[in-house]
Amino acid sequence: MIMLREPVACVVDPYAGGMSGHTGRYEKRLSDLVGLYENAQAHAALVISLNDPVIYDVEDFRPGTRGGDLNYGVTRMSPGRVDREFFLTRGHIHAKADRPEIYYGQHGQGLMQMESPAGETRIVEIKPQTICYVPPFWIHRSINIGQTDLVMVFAYPSDSGQDYGIIEMSNGMRHRVLSGGDGWELVDNTSYNPRTGEQVAALMKNYT
């Protein structure tokens, strides 16, 4: 006999970035993001000068691990830069790579940087009331390009899982997002290590 779950309501704070009724919470400090920025010396110096601040935190609700369920929550990201690179999240692909995700902008101004297994880059700008759809098989990370906190609601299938190592194995994503003029620009990541055809084929398998 299938036991039905009880419906749940969670209230989002679009400014502080919190969510009532969350079942989990985690945060990442600037020191946790070592190796993500091109200017490692600037990163190390900023960790000290800013007393290792929290760069982003997440509150989420996870009802279970079944494929028919949804995990959802709120991400809050601080504004700032390491040299010319904006504050960003570690980024991931889903462990079951055919699982999608959506992000719904609540406050601030940000980007969703996405990369295909073959190394194509896509950028979606996120502002309040913007819904960003991350399709299956896309590696993705969030970037705060504004002057205030970036707050987003997210949701993804509960059996998705996260693979953070895919970015590390390629020495980052193919492009870096830098401040430029009054906005931002993409530049090549000179340390990028493209995936082989075999690695791409393995990622594009039909996970079920």
N, C-alpha and C. Protein backbone atom coordinates (compact mmCIF):
# COMPACT_ATOMS: atom_id res chain seq x y z
N MET A 1 0.84 -1.20 0.00
CA MET A 1 0.00 0.00 0.00
C MET A 1 0.88 1.25 0.00
N ILE A 2 0.62 2.16 -0.91
CA ILE A 2 1.39 3.39 -1.00
C ILE A 2 0.89 4.39 0.04
N MET A 3 1.83 4.90 0.84
CA MET A 3 1.48 5.90 1.85
C MET A 3 1.65 7.29 1.24
N LEU A 4 0.59 8.06 1.22
CA LEU A 4 0.65 9.41 0.67
C LEU A 4 1.37 10.34 1.64
N ARG A 5 2.20 11.21 1.10
CA ARG A 5 2.83 12.24 1.92
C ARG A 5 1.84 13.36 2.16
N GLU A 6 2.03 14.06 3.26
CA GLU A 6 1.21 15.22 3.55
C GLU A 6 1.70 16.42 2.74
N PRO A 7 0.81 17.22 2.18
CA PRO A 7 1.22 18.46 1.50
C PRO A 7 1.96 19.39 2.45
N VAL A 8 2.84 20.20 1.90
CA VAL A 8 3.68 21.09 2.69
C VAL A 8 3.67 22.48 2.08
N ALA A 9 3.71 23.49 2.92
CA ALA A 9 3.87 24.88 2.46
C ALA A 9 5.10 25.48 3.15
N CYS A 10 5.97 26.09 2.37
CA CYS A 10 7.15 26.78 2.88
C CYS A 10 7.11 28.23 2.43
N VAL A 11 7.49 29.13 3.31
CA VAL A 11 7.46 30.56 2.99
C VAL A 11 8.88 31.04 2.72
N VAL A 12 9.08 31.70 1.58
CA VAL A 12 10.39 32.19 1.17
C VAL A 12 10.56 33.65 1.56
N ASP A 13 11.70 33.99 2.12
CA ASP A 13 12.07 35.38 2.36
C ASP A 13 12.94 35.81 1.18
N PRO A 14 12.43 36.64 0.25
CA PRO A 14 13.18 36.96 -0.96
C PRO A 14 14.36 37.88 -0.72
N TYR A 15 14.49 38.45 0.47
CA TYR A 15 15.58 39.38 0.76
C TYR A 15 16.66 38.72 1.62
N ALA A 16 16.25 38.08 2.70
CA ALA A 16 17.21 37.40 3.57
C ALA A 16 17.63 36.05 2.98
N GLY A 17 16.79 35.50 2.10
CA GLY A 17 17.13 34.25 1.46
C GLY A 17 16.76 33.01 2.24
N GLY A 18 15.97 33.14 3.29
CA GLY A 18 15.59 31.99 4.09
C GLY A 18 14.30 31.36 3.60
N MET A 19 13.99 30.19 4.16
CA MET A 19 12.76 29.48 3.83
C MET A 19 12.27 28.73 5.05
N SER A 20 11.03 28.97 5.44
CA SER A 20 10.47 28.25 6.57
C SER A 20 10.28 26.77 6.22
N GLY A 21 10.32 25.93 7.23
CA GLY A 21 10.04 24.52 7.04
C GLY A 21 11.15 23.73 6.38
N HIS A 22 12.34 24.33 6.24
CA HIS A 22 13.41 23.59 5.57
C HIS A 22 13.87 22.42 6.43
N THR A 23 14.33 21.37 5.76
CA THR A 23 14.82 20.18 6.47
C THR A 23 16.34 20.13 6.49
N GLY A 24 16.99 21.01 5.74
CA GLY A 24 18.45 21.03 5.71
C GLY A 24 18.98 22.42 5.41
N ARG A 25 20.23 22.64 5.81
CA ARG A 25 20.88 23.91 5.53
C ARG A 25 22.39 23.70 5.45
N TYR A 26 23.04 24.38 4.50
CA TYR A 26 24.49 24.37 4.47
C TYR A 26 25.00 25.69 3.93
N GLU A 27 26.26 25.97 4.17
CA GLU A 27 26.86 27.22 3.71
C GLU A 27 28.28 26.96 3.21
N LYS A 28 28.71 27.82 2.30
CA LYS A 28 30.07 27.76 1.79
C LYS A 28 30.75 29.10 2.04
N ARG A 29 31.92 29.00 2.70
CA ARG A 29 32.74 30.19 2.94
C ARG A 29 33.72 30.39 1.80
N LEU A 30 34.33 31.55 1.78
CA LEU A 30 35.26 31.87 0.71
C LEU A 30 36.41 30.86 0.65
N SER A 31 36.86 30.39 1.81
CA SER A 31 37.95 29.41 1.84
C SER A 31 37.54 28.07 1.25
N ASP A 32 36.24 27.76 1.24
CA ASP A 32 35.76 26.51 0.66
C ASP A 32 35.85 26.51 -0.86
N LEU A 33 36.05 27.69 -1.45
CA LEU A 33 36.07 27.83 -2.90
C LEU A 33 37.48 27.92 -3.45
N VAL A 34 38.44 27.44 -2.70
CA VAL A 34 39.83 27.45 -3.15
C VAL A 34 39.95 26.66 -4.44
N GLY A 35 40.73 27.16 -5.38
CA GLY A 35 40.94 26.49 -6.65
C GLY A 35 39.97 26.88 -7.74
N LEU A 36 38.91 27.63 -7.41
CA LEU A 36 37.93 28.00 -8.42
C LEU A 36 38.30 29.27 -9.17
N TYR A 37 39.11 30.11 -8.55
CA TYR A 37 39.43 31.41 -9.14
C TYR A 37 40.81 31.39 -9.79
N GLU A 38 40.93 32.12 -10.89
CA GLU A 38 42.21 32.14 -11.60
C GLU A 38 43.32 32.76 -10.76
N ASN A 39 42.98 33.84 -10.04
CA ASN A 39 43.98 34.54 -9.23
C ASN A 39 43.96 33.94 -7.82
N ALA A 40 44.75 32.90 -7.64
CA ALA A 40 44.77 32.20 -6.35
C ALA A 40 45.31 33.08 -5.23
N GLN A 41 46.27 33.95 -5.54
CA GLN A 41 46.82 34.83 -4.52
C GLN A 41 45.78 35.84 -4.05
N ALA A 42 45.00 36.39 -4.99
CA ALA A 42 43.95 37.33 -4.62
C ALA A 42 42.89 36.64 -3.77
N HIS A 43 42.58 35.39 -4.10
CA HIS A 43 41.61 34.64 -3.32
C HIS A 43 42.11 34.44 -1.89
N ALA A 44 43.35 34.00 -1.74
CA ALA A 44 43.90 33.75 -0.40
C ALA A 44 43.95 35.03 0.42
N ALA A 45 44.31 36.15 -0.23
CA ALA A 45 44.38 37.42 0.49
C ALA A 45 42.99 37.88 0.93
N LEU A 46 41.99 37.65 0.07
CA LEU A 46 40.63 38.07 0.40
C LEU A 46 40.05 37.24 1.54
N VAL A 47 40.39 35.97 1.59
CA VAL A 47 39.95 35.13 2.71
C VAL A 47 40.39 35.75 4.03
N ILE A 48 41.62 36.23 4.06
CA ILE A 48 42.16 36.83 5.29
C ILE A 48 41.57 38.20 5.56
N SER A 49 41.55 39.05 4.53
CA SER A 49 41.10 40.44 4.74
C SER A 49 39.63 40.53 5.08
N LEU A 50 38.82 39.60 4.57
CA LEU A 50 37.38 39.62 4.85
C LEU A 50 36.99 38.65 5.96
N ASN A 51 37.99 38.02 6.59
CA ASN A 51 37.75 37.08 7.68
C ASN A 51 36.88 35.90 7.24
N ASP A 52 37.18 35.39 6.04
CA ASP A 52 36.56 34.19 5.50
C ASP A 52 35.03 34.23 5.57
N PRO A 53 34.41 35.11 4.81
CA PRO A 53 32.95 35.27 4.91
C PRO A 53 32.19 34.13 4.25
N VAL A 54 30.92 33.98 4.61
CA VAL A 54 30.02 33.06 3.93
C VAL A 54 29.68 33.67 2.57
N ILE A 55 29.95 32.93 1.50
CA ILE A 55 29.67 33.42 0.15
C ILE A 55 28.26 33.02 -0.29
N TYR A 56 27.85 31.81 0.05
CA TYR A 56 26.46 31.44 -0.24
C TYR A 56 25.97 30.40 0.76
N ASP A 57 24.67 30.41 0.97
CA ASP A 57 24.04 29.42 1.84
C ASP A 57 22.76 28.93 1.20
N VAL A 58 22.38 27.72 1.58
CA VAL A 58 21.23 27.05 0.99
C VAL A 58 20.36 26.47 2.10
N GLU A 59 19.06 26.71 2.01
CA GLU A 59 18.08 26.04 2.86
C GLU A 59 17.16 25.26 1.93
N ASP A 60 16.97 23.98 2.22
CA ASP A 60 16.17 23.16 1.30
C ASP A 60 15.21 22.24 2.03
N PHE A 61 14.26 21.74 1.28
CA PHE A 61 13.29 20.76 1.76
C PHE A 61 13.44 19.53 0.89
N ARG A 62 13.77 18.40 1.53
CA ARG A 62 13.97 17.16 0.80
C ARG A 62 13.00 16.11 1.32
N PRO A 63 11.92 15.86 0.59
CA PRO A 63 10.91 14.92 1.07
C PRO A 63 11.34 13.47 1.00
N GLY A 64 12.33 13.16 0.15
CA GLY A 64 12.76 11.78 0.01
C GLY A 64 13.75 11.66 -1.14
N THR A 65 13.97 10.43 -1.60
CA THR A 65 14.93 10.19 -2.67
C THR A 65 14.29 9.54 -3.88
N ARG A 66 12.98 9.43 -3.92
CA ARG A 66 12.29 8.79 -5.03
C ARG A 66 12.26 9.73 -6.24
N GLY A 67 12.31 9.15 -7.42
CA GLY A 67 12.33 9.93 -8.64
C GLY A 67 11.08 10.76 -8.87
N GLY A 68 9.96 10.35 -8.32
CA GLY A 68 8.72 11.10 -8.51
C GLY A 68 8.55 12.27 -7.58
N ASP A 69 9.55 12.53 -6.73
CA ASP A 69 9.46 13.63 -5.77
C ASP A 69 10.36 14.78 -6.21
N LEU A 70 10.20 15.92 -5.54
CA LEU A 70 11.00 17.11 -5.83
C LEU A 70 11.70 17.61 -4.58
N ASN A 71 12.99 17.90 -4.70
CA ASN A 71 13.68 18.70 -3.70
C ASN A 71 13.57 20.16 -4.11
N TYR A 72 13.43 21.04 -3.15
CA TYR A 72 13.38 22.46 -3.48
C TYR A 72 13.95 23.27 -2.33
N GLY A 73 14.28 24.52 -2.61
CA GLY A 73 14.85 25.36 -1.57
C GLY A 73 15.22 26.73 -2.07
N VAL A 74 16.06 27.40 -1.30
CA VAL A 74 16.46 28.77 -1.57
C VAL A 74 17.98 28.89 -1.45
N THR A 75 18.60 29.53 -2.42
CA THR A 75 20.02 29.86 -2.38
C THR A 75 20.17 31.37 -2.21
N ARG A 76 21.05 31.78 -1.28
CA ARG A 76 21.38 33.19 -1.12
C ARG A 76 22.86 33.36 -1.36
N MET A 77 23.23 34.27 -2.27
CA MET A 77 24.63 34.49 -2.60
C MET A 77 25.03 35.94 -2.31
N SER A 78 26.18 36.12 -1.68
CA SER A 78 26.70 37.46 -1.40
C SER A 78 27.29 38.07 -2.67
N PRO A 79 27.28 39.41 -2.76
CA PRO A 79 27.96 40.07 -3.87
C PRO A 79 29.46 40.19 -3.58
N GLY A 80 30.26 40.28 -4.62
CA GLY A 80 31.69 40.48 -4.43
C GLY A 80 32.49 39.90 -5.58
N ARG A 81 33.80 40.12 -5.54
CA ARG A 81 34.67 39.62 -6.59
C ARG A 81 35.99 39.18 -5.99
N VAL A 82 36.63 38.24 -6.67
CA VAL A 82 38.03 37.90 -6.44
C VAL A 82 38.77 38.42 -7.66
N ASP A 83 39.53 39.52 -7.48
CA ASP A 83 40.12 40.22 -8.62
C ASP A 83 38.96 40.63 -9.53
N ARG A 84 38.90 40.13 -10.77
CA ARG A 84 37.80 40.49 -11.67
C ARG A 84 36.71 39.43 -11.75
N GLU A 85 36.88 38.32 -11.05
CA GLU A 85 35.89 37.25 -11.10
C GLU A 85 34.84 37.42 -10.01
N PHE A 86 33.58 37.35 -10.41
CA PHE A 86 32.49 37.50 -9.46
C PHE A 86 32.41 36.28 -8.53
N PHE A 87 31.81 36.49 -7.35
CA PHE A 87 31.53 35.37 -6.46
C PHE A 87 30.63 34.36 -7.18
N LEU A 88 30.90 33.07 -6.97
CA LEU A 88 30.19 32.02 -7.68
C LEU A 88 30.02 30.79 -6.79
N THR A 89 29.20 29.87 -7.25
CA THR A 89 29.04 28.60 -6.55
C THR A 89 29.99 27.57 -7.15
N ARG A 90 30.17 26.46 -6.46
CA ARG A 90 31.08 25.42 -6.95
C ARG A 90 30.62 24.88 -8.30
N GLY A 91 29.33 24.72 -8.47
CA GLY A 91 28.78 24.18 -9.71
C GLY A 91 28.78 22.66 -9.73
N HIS A 92 27.88 22.08 -10.53
CA HIS A 92 27.75 20.63 -10.59
C HIS A 92 26.99 20.20 -11.83
N ILE A 93 27.04 18.93 -12.11
CA ILE A 93 26.09 18.26 -12.99
C ILE A 93 25.35 17.27 -12.10
N HIS A 94 24.17 16.89 -12.47
CA HIS A 94 23.47 15.93 -11.64
C HIS A 94 24.08 14.54 -11.80
N ALA A 95 24.15 13.81 -10.71
CA ALA A 95 24.72 12.46 -10.74
C ALA A 95 23.94 11.58 -11.72
N LYS A 96 22.62 11.74 -11.74
CA LYS A 96 21.80 11.20 -12.83
C LYS A 96 21.65 12.34 -13.82
N ALA A 97 22.52 12.32 -14.83
CA ALA A 97 22.74 13.53 -15.63
C ALA A 97 21.54 13.93 -16.48
N ASP A 98 20.53 13.05 -16.62
CA ASP A 98 19.37 13.42 -17.41
C ASP A 98 18.29 14.12 -16.58
N ARG A 99 18.63 14.52 -15.37
CA ARG A 99 17.66 15.23 -14.52
C ARG A 99 17.81 16.75 -14.71
N PRO A 100 16.71 17.48 -14.88
CA PRO A 100 16.76 18.93 -15.06
C PRO A 100 16.66 19.66 -13.73
N GLU A 101 16.66 20.98 -13.80
CA GLU A 101 16.50 21.83 -12.60
C GLU A 101 15.95 23.17 -13.04
N ILE A 102 15.21 23.82 -12.16
CA ILE A 102 14.78 25.20 -12.43
C ILE A 102 15.25 26.10 -11.29
N TYR A 103 15.53 27.34 -11.64
CA TYR A 103 15.86 28.40 -10.69
C TYR A 103 14.91 29.57 -10.93
N TYR A 104 14.41 30.15 -9.85
CA TYR A 104 13.44 31.24 -9.95
C TYR A 104 14.00 32.43 -9.18
N GLY A 105 14.40 33.47 -9.90
CA GLY A 105 14.99 34.64 -9.27
C GLY A 105 14.02 35.36 -8.35
N GLN A 106 14.49 35.72 -7.16
CA GLN A 106 13.68 36.43 -6.18
C GLN A 106 14.20 37.85 -5.91
N HIS A 107 15.52 37.99 -5.89
CA HIS A 107 16.13 39.28 -5.54
C HIS A 107 17.55 39.31 -6.10
N GLY A 108 17.98 40.50 -6.54
CA GLY A 108 19.34 40.66 -7.01
C GLY A 108 19.49 40.39 -8.50
N GLN A 109 20.74 40.28 -8.91
CA GLN A 109 21.05 40.10 -10.33
C GLN A 109 22.18 39.07 -10.45
N GLY A 110 21.92 38.04 -11.25
CA GLY A 110 22.91 36.98 -11.37
C GLY A 110 22.91 36.34 -12.73
N LEU A 111 23.76 35.35 -12.87
CA LEU A 111 23.86 34.55 -14.08
C LEU A 111 23.82 33.08 -13.72
N MET A 112 23.25 32.27 -14.62
CA MET A 112 23.41 30.84 -14.56
C MET A 112 24.36 30.48 -15.70
N GLN A 113 25.55 30.02 -15.34
CA GLN A 113 26.53 29.61 -16.34
C GLN A 113 26.38 28.12 -16.55
N MET A 114 26.13 27.72 -17.80
CA MET A 114 25.91 26.32 -18.12
C MET A 114 26.92 25.85 -19.16
N GLU A 115 27.29 24.59 -19.06
CA GLU A 115 28.26 24.01 -19.99
C GLU A 115 27.80 22.61 -20.37
N SER A 116 27.79 22.33 -21.67
CA SER A 116 27.44 20.99 -22.13
C SER A 116 28.63 20.06 -21.88
N PRO A 117 28.41 18.75 -21.89
CA PRO A 117 29.53 17.83 -21.74
C PRO A 117 30.63 18.06 -22.77
N ALA A 118 30.26 18.51 -23.98
CA ALA A 118 31.25 18.75 -25.03
C ALA A 118 31.93 20.11 -24.91
N GLY A 119 31.50 20.94 -23.94
CA GLY A 119 32.19 22.20 -23.69
C GLY A 119 31.52 23.44 -24.25
N GLU A 120 30.28 23.36 -24.70
CA GLU A 120 29.56 24.55 -25.14
C GLU A 120 29.10 25.34 -23.93
N THR A 121 29.15 26.67 -24.03
CA THR A 121 28.75 27.53 -22.92
C THR A 121 27.44 28.23 -23.24
N ARG A 122 26.56 28.30 -22.24
CA ARG A 122 25.33 29.08 -22.33
C ARG A 122 25.21 29.91 -21.05
N ILE A 123 24.70 31.12 -21.20
CA ILE A 123 24.49 32.02 -20.05
C ILE A 123 23.04 32.47 -20.04
N VAL A 124 22.39 32.36 -18.89
CA VAL A 124 21.04 32.89 -18.69
C VAL A 124 21.11 33.92 -17.57
N GLU A 125 20.66 35.13 -17.85
CA GLU A 125 20.62 36.17 -16.83
C GLU A 125 19.42 35.95 -15.92
N ILE A 126 19.63 36.11 -14.63
CA ILE A 126 18.57 35.89 -13.65
C ILE A 126 18.33 37.16 -12.86
N LYS A 127 17.10 37.63 -12.92
CA LYS A 127 16.64 38.78 -12.15
C LYS A 127 15.37 38.38 -11.42
N PRO A 128 14.81 39.23 -10.56
CA PRO A 128 13.56 38.88 -9.90
C PRO A 128 12.47 38.51 -10.91
N GLN A 129 11.78 37.43 -10.63
CA GLN A 129 10.68 36.90 -11.43
C GLN A 129 11.16 36.23 -12.71
N THR A 130 12.45 35.93 -12.81
CA THR A 130 12.99 35.18 -13.95
C THR A 130 13.10 33.71 -13.58
N ILE A 131 12.55 32.85 -14.43
CA ILE A 131 12.70 31.41 -14.25
C ILE A 131 13.74 30.91 -15.25
N CYS A 132 14.78 30.28 -14.74
CA CYS A 132 15.82 29.69 -15.57
C CYS A 132 15.65 28.18 -15.57
N TYR A 133 15.53 27.60 -16.76
CA TYR A 133 15.43 26.15 -16.90
C TYR A 133 16.80 25.60 -17.28
N VAL A 134 17.32 24.72 -16.44
CA VAL A 134 18.58 24.02 -16.74
C VAL A 134 18.20 22.65 -17.27
N PRO A 135 18.40 22.40 -18.58
CA PRO A 135 17.99 21.12 -19.15
C PRO A 135 18.86 19.96 -18.65
N PRO A 136 18.44 18.74 -18.89
CA PRO A 136 19.28 17.58 -18.56
C PRO A 136 20.65 17.68 -19.22
N PHE A 137 21.64 17.12 -18.57
CA PHE A 137 23.01 16.96 -19.06
C PHE A 137 23.85 18.23 -19.04
N TRP A 138 23.33 19.33 -18.53
CA TRP A 138 24.12 20.57 -18.50
C TRP A 138 24.75 20.78 -17.12
N ILE A 139 26.06 21.00 -17.12
CA ILE A 139 26.79 21.43 -15.93
C ILE A 139 26.36 22.88 -15.66
N HIS A 140 26.19 23.25 -14.38
CA HIS A 140 25.71 24.60 -14.12
C HIS A 140 26.24 25.14 -12.79
N ARG A 141 26.43 26.46 -12.78
CA ARG A 141 26.80 27.17 -11.55
C ARG A 141 26.15 28.55 -11.57
N SER A 142 25.97 29.10 -10.37
CA SER A 142 25.36 30.42 -10.21
C SER A 142 26.44 31.46 -9.93
N ILE A 143 26.22 32.68 -10.44
CA ILE A 143 27.18 33.77 -10.28
C ILE A 143 26.41 35.03 -9.92
N ASN A 144 26.87 35.73 -8.89
CA ASN A 144 26.25 36.99 -8.48
C ASN A 144 27.01 38.13 -9.13
N ILE A 145 26.37 38.82 -10.09
CA ILE A 145 27.02 39.94 -10.78
C ILE A 145 26.49 41.28 -10.29
N GLY A 146 25.63 41.28 -9.26
CA GLY A 146 25.02 42.51 -8.77
C GLY A 146 25.73 43.08 -7.57
N GLN A 147 25.10 44.09 -6.98
CA GLN A 147 25.64 44.79 -5.82
C GLN A 147 24.95 44.37 -4.52
N THR A 148 23.95 43.51 -4.62
CA THR A 148 23.22 43.03 -3.45
C THR A 148 23.19 41.51 -3.46
N ASP A 149 22.64 40.92 -2.41
CA ASP A 149 22.49 39.47 -2.38
C ASP A 149 21.67 38.99 -3.58
N LEU A 150 22.05 37.85 -4.11
CA LEU A 150 21.26 37.16 -5.13
C LEU A 150 20.50 36.04 -4.44
N VAL A 151 19.18 36.07 -4.57
CA VAL A 151 18.34 35.05 -3.93
C VAL A 151 17.53 34.34 -5.01
N MET A 152 17.59 33.01 -5.00
CA MET A 152 16.88 32.20 -5.99
C MET A 152 16.22 31.00 -5.32
N VAL A 153 15.02 30.67 -5.79
CA VAL A 153 14.36 29.42 -5.44
C VAL A 153 14.76 28.38 -6.49
N PHE A 154 14.96 27.14 -6.07
CA PHE A 154 15.31 26.07 -7.02
C PHE A 154 14.48 24.84 -6.75
N ALA A 155 14.38 23.97 -7.75
CA ALA A 155 13.69 22.69 -7.60
C ALA A 155 14.26 21.70 -8.60
N TYR A 156 14.41 20.44 -8.17
CA TYR A 156 14.93 19.39 -9.04
C TYR A 156 14.44 18.03 -8.54
N PRO A 157 14.41 17.01 -9.39
CA PRO A 157 13.95 15.69 -8.96
C PRO A 157 14.78 15.14 -7.80
N SER A 158 14.11 14.51 -6.87
CA SER A 158 14.76 14.10 -5.63
C SER A 158 15.84 13.04 -5.81
N ASP A 159 15.81 12.31 -6.93
CA ASP A 159 16.82 11.27 -7.14
C ASP A 159 17.99 11.76 -7.99
N SER A 160 18.10 13.09 -8.21
CA SER A 160 19.11 13.63 -9.13
C SER A 160 20.54 13.40 -8.64
N GLY A 161 20.81 13.76 -7.40
CA GLY A 161 22.17 13.74 -6.90
C GLY A 161 23.01 14.84 -7.53
N GLN A 162 24.20 15.07 -6.99
CA GLN A 162 25.10 16.10 -7.53
C GLN A 162 26.49 15.51 -7.73
N ASP A 163 27.10 15.87 -8.84
CA ASP A 163 28.48 15.50 -9.13
C ASP A 163 29.27 16.80 -9.24
N TYR A 164 30.05 17.11 -8.20
CA TYR A 164 30.85 18.34 -8.18
C TYR A 164 32.22 18.13 -8.82
N GLY A 165 32.64 16.88 -8.93
CA GLY A 165 33.99 16.60 -9.41
C GLY A 165 34.18 16.85 -10.89
N ILE A 166 33.09 16.91 -11.67
CA ILE A 166 33.23 17.06 -13.11
C ILE A 166 33.91 18.37 -13.48
N ILE A 167 33.67 19.43 -12.71
CA ILE A 167 34.32 20.72 -12.97
C ILE A 167 35.78 20.66 -12.57
N GLU A 168 36.05 20.06 -11.42
CA GLU A 168 37.43 19.96 -10.94
C GLU A 168 38.29 19.16 -11.92
N MET A 169 37.76 18.08 -12.48
CA MET A 169 38.53 17.24 -13.39
C MET A 169 38.91 17.96 -14.68
N SER A 170 38.11 18.97 -15.05
CA SER A 170 38.41 19.75 -16.26
C SER A 170 39.14 21.06 -15.94
N ASN A 171 39.60 21.20 -14.69
CA ASN A 171 40.27 22.44 -14.26
C ASN A 171 39.37 23.65 -14.44
N GLY A 172 38.12 23.49 -14.04
CA GLY A 172 37.16 24.58 -14.13
C GLY A 172 36.25 24.45 -15.33
N MET A 173 35.40 25.44 -15.52
CA MET A 173 34.54 25.47 -16.69
C MET A 173 35.30 26.14 -17.84
N ARG A 174 34.80 25.97 -19.04
CA ARG A 174 35.54 26.41 -20.22
C ARG A 174 35.75 27.92 -20.25
N HIS A 175 34.80 28.66 -19.69
CA HIS A 175 34.91 30.12 -19.66
C HIS A 175 34.82 30.64 -18.23
N ARG A 176 35.45 31.77 -18.02
CA ARG A 176 35.33 32.51 -16.77
C ARG A 176 34.48 33.74 -17.02
N VAL A 177 33.70 34.12 -16.00
CA VAL A 177 32.88 35.33 -16.09
C VAL A 177 33.58 36.43 -15.31
N LEU A 178 33.99 37.49 -16.01
CA LEU A 178 34.72 38.60 -15.41
C LEU A 178 33.91 39.88 -15.48
N SER A 179 34.17 40.78 -14.55
CA SER A 179 33.57 42.11 -14.64
C SER A 179 34.21 42.83 -15.82
N GLY A 180 33.39 43.57 -16.55
CA GLY A 180 33.90 44.30 -17.70
C GLY A 180 33.05 45.51 -17.98
N GLY A 181 33.63 46.70 -17.92
CA GLY A 181 32.85 47.92 -18.12
C GLY A 181 31.77 48.04 -17.08
N ASP A 182 30.52 48.18 -17.52
CA ASP A 182 29.39 48.26 -16.59
C ASP A 182 28.71 46.91 -16.38
N GLY A 183 29.30 45.84 -16.95
CA GLY A 183 28.64 44.55 -16.85
C GLY A 183 29.62 43.42 -16.68
N TRP A 184 29.52 42.41 -17.54
CA TRP A 184 30.33 41.22 -17.42
C TRP A 184 30.75 40.75 -18.82
N GLU A 185 31.76 39.90 -18.85
CA GLU A 185 32.21 39.33 -20.11
C GLU A 185 32.74 37.93 -19.89
N LEU A 186 32.69 37.12 -20.95
CA LEU A 186 33.23 35.77 -20.92
C LEU A 186 34.64 35.78 -21.48
N VAL A 187 35.55 35.10 -20.79
CA VAL A 187 36.90 34.92 -21.31
C VAL A 187 37.26 33.45 -21.20
N ASP A 188 38.17 33.00 -22.05
CA ASP A 188 38.60 31.61 -22.03
C ASP A 188 39.32 31.28 -20.73
N ASN A 189 39.04 30.10 -20.21
CA ASN A 189 39.80 29.56 -19.08
C ASN A 189 41.01 28.84 -19.67
N THR A 190 42.17 29.43 -19.54
CA THR A 190 43.38 28.90 -20.17
C THR A 190 43.81 27.56 -19.57
N SER A 191 43.27 27.21 -18.41
CA SER A 191 43.63 25.94 -17.76
C SER A 191 42.65 24.82 -18.10
N TYR A 192 41.63 25.13 -18.89
CA TYR A 192 40.56 24.17 -19.16
C TYR A 192 41.08 22.91 -19.85
N ASN A 193 40.61 21.76 -19.36
CA ASN A 193 40.98 20.47 -19.93
C ASN A 193 39.73 19.83 -20.52
N PRO A 194 39.55 19.87 -21.85
CA PRO A 194 38.32 19.34 -22.47
C PRO A 194 38.12 17.86 -22.17
N ARG A 195 36.86 17.44 -22.12
CA ARG A 195 36.54 16.03 -21.92
C ARG A 195 36.76 15.27 -23.23
N THR A 196 37.14 14.03 -23.09
CA THR A 196 37.33 13.19 -24.27
C THR A 196 35.99 12.75 -24.83
N GLY A 197 36.01 12.24 -26.05
CA GLY A 197 34.78 11.72 -26.65
C GLY A 197 34.18 10.61 -25.82
N GLU A 198 35.01 9.77 -25.24
CA GLU A 198 34.52 8.67 -24.40
C GLU A 198 33.84 9.23 -23.14
N GLN A 199 34.42 10.27 -22.54
CA GLN A 199 33.81 10.87 -21.36
C GLN A 199 32.47 11.52 -21.69
N VAL A 200 32.39 12.19 -22.83
CA VAL A 200 31.14 12.82 -23.24
C VAL A 200 30.07 11.76 -23.48
N ALA A 201 30.43 10.67 -24.17
CA ALA A 201 29.48 9.60 -24.44
C ALA A 201 28.97 8.97 -23.15
N ALA A 202 29.85 8.82 -22.18
CA ALA A 202 29.44 8.24 -20.91
C ALA A 202 28.44 9.14 -20.19
N LEU A 203 28.64 10.46 -20.26
CA LEU A 203 27.73 11.39 -19.61
C LEU A 203 26.37 11.44 -20.30
N MET A 204 26.36 11.24 -21.62
CA MET A 204 25.13 11.39 -22.38
C MET A 204 24.29 10.12 -22.41
N LYS A 205 24.72 9.10 -21.67
CA LYS A 205 23.91 7.90 -21.60
C LYS A 205 22.54 8.23 -21.03
N ASN A 206 21.57 7.42 -21.36
CA ASN A 206 20.21 7.63 -20.85
C ASN A 206 20.10 7.05 -19.45
N TYR A 207 20.30 7.90 -18.43
CA TYR A 207 20.15 7.47 -17.05
C TYR A 207 18.67 7.36 -16.72
N THR A 208 18.27 6.27 -16.12
CA THR A 208 16.86 6.11 -15.74
C THR A 208 16.79 5.52 -14.34
